[in-house]
Amino acid sequence: MDSKTDEPHFGTPYIIKTFANGLRVGLLGLTTPYIPNWEKPDHIRGLRFDDAVICAKHWVKHLKEEAGVDLVVVSYHGGFERDLDTGEPVEALTGENQGYELCMEVDGIDVLLTGHQHQKIAGKTVNGVAVIQPGSFGACLGKVTVTLEKTPEGFRVQSKTSELLCVNDVEADADVVRLIAPYEEQTQRWLDQPIGRIEGDMRIDDPLAVRLKDHPLIEFINRVQMEAAGVDISNTALFDNQSPGFPPDVTMRSVVANYVYPNTLVVLRVTGRDIKAALERSATYFEIDEDGGVRVSDEFTAPKPQHYNYDMWEGIEYVLDIRRPKGDRVTKLNYKGKPVDPDGEYDVVMNNYRAAGGGNYHMYKGKPVVKDIPIDMSELIANYILKHKVIKAETDGNWQVVY
């Protein structure tokens, strides 16, 4: 919504399609109100993100009673906060994903198209609403089929089904392949251009091990961030479990394979208390299993993997003891050999998603921005390697997880 006018910022939030047989279908667009938790304030200035359920109740009623549509389809950039079969919560009820609540609380929705969580959902209805979510990366197309009967009183829904049409084993269109071939060739050539060498081992064989103890790849990324920002404290994440690390001969392909998001950097001024709170948040990533081993908490794997919300730091020395209760796992936290002052101020570089509080790092929200570096991290990494030519795979062992 426009924060000044209290009206939808981009105009009417729905379209109506009228078919030859007189059928009128209303398509309403909604997004998650959680956007301010990860987006830079400058990018959304003048916008207000209202609760999706409250908005849906208003506009679905409008479509049905005033616009006179026969069928309501809601396209929602959000997912499901509860199990579709049991209704049990599958994540913290923060309001980021309200798909289940939309189905249960808003009268008049016939079809709910969802996204955001990257799940593959089809063939299900919730409270009579056909729901679908087509995964991610364009791997599947969601298809919902609605059968209606025309009666003297109007159209009546007879059935609703949903399915995913995935690209596996689908032959590429020859004409499209021919059209994009020159661009594909240039892209592959760019990806394979050599930019430097790694001295030592910066590859990843075990993603969990990378998150338990200082690793050369994480150390390297933090060093890039610290040089770019001119500060001596940094945090970053191993975004997923597919990151291969860097081979001995580094190419642009290596860079984009490891840094998969178009993040930029922000330097925040935070307190020592904020740093500890952020470490405690990261420490909830782990749980001790029944055999005394370590596993990733369900909070970071369901309903979608969120490995990108576990941060690792450089410039401070710390220990996380995950045998201890959540919220009390930081057993060592030093800066330059001395305990971090809870009330002291420290300049920390991190990606823009985290700096805005993304990933439930609420301790960062509203903190002073010392510096904004509007250059994609992949470019900063490549430039760093081009400048230094040979990168040593090394760590200073400044942190570890004990269990």
Foldseek 3Di string as FASTA:
>chain_A
DQPVPPDPPVPDQWDWDADPVGAIEIEGEAEFQCVLQFDDCVVQPRDHHDQRLVVLQVVLCCCVPPVPHDAYEYEYAAAPQADQPPRHGLAPPPRNHCVLVNLVPHPGHAEYEYENQQDADFFDDHNNHGYGYAGDPQQWDKDKDWDWDQDPVGIDTDDIGIDIHGCVPPDDDPVVCVVCVVVVVVVVVQQPDWQFFEDDDFFDDDQVVVLFFPWLQQVLLQVLQCVVVVFFKEKFFQFDPQQGTADGTHGLNNLCSRVVDQWFKFKFKAAPLLVLVLQLLLLLQWDQDPVRHIDGDSNQPPPHHGRRSRMDMGQWAWEFESVDDRPPGTPATGGPPHHGDRGDIGIYMYTSRVLSNHSVSVSNHPTDTPDTGNGGSSVSSSVVCNVVRYHYRDDPGRYGYHD
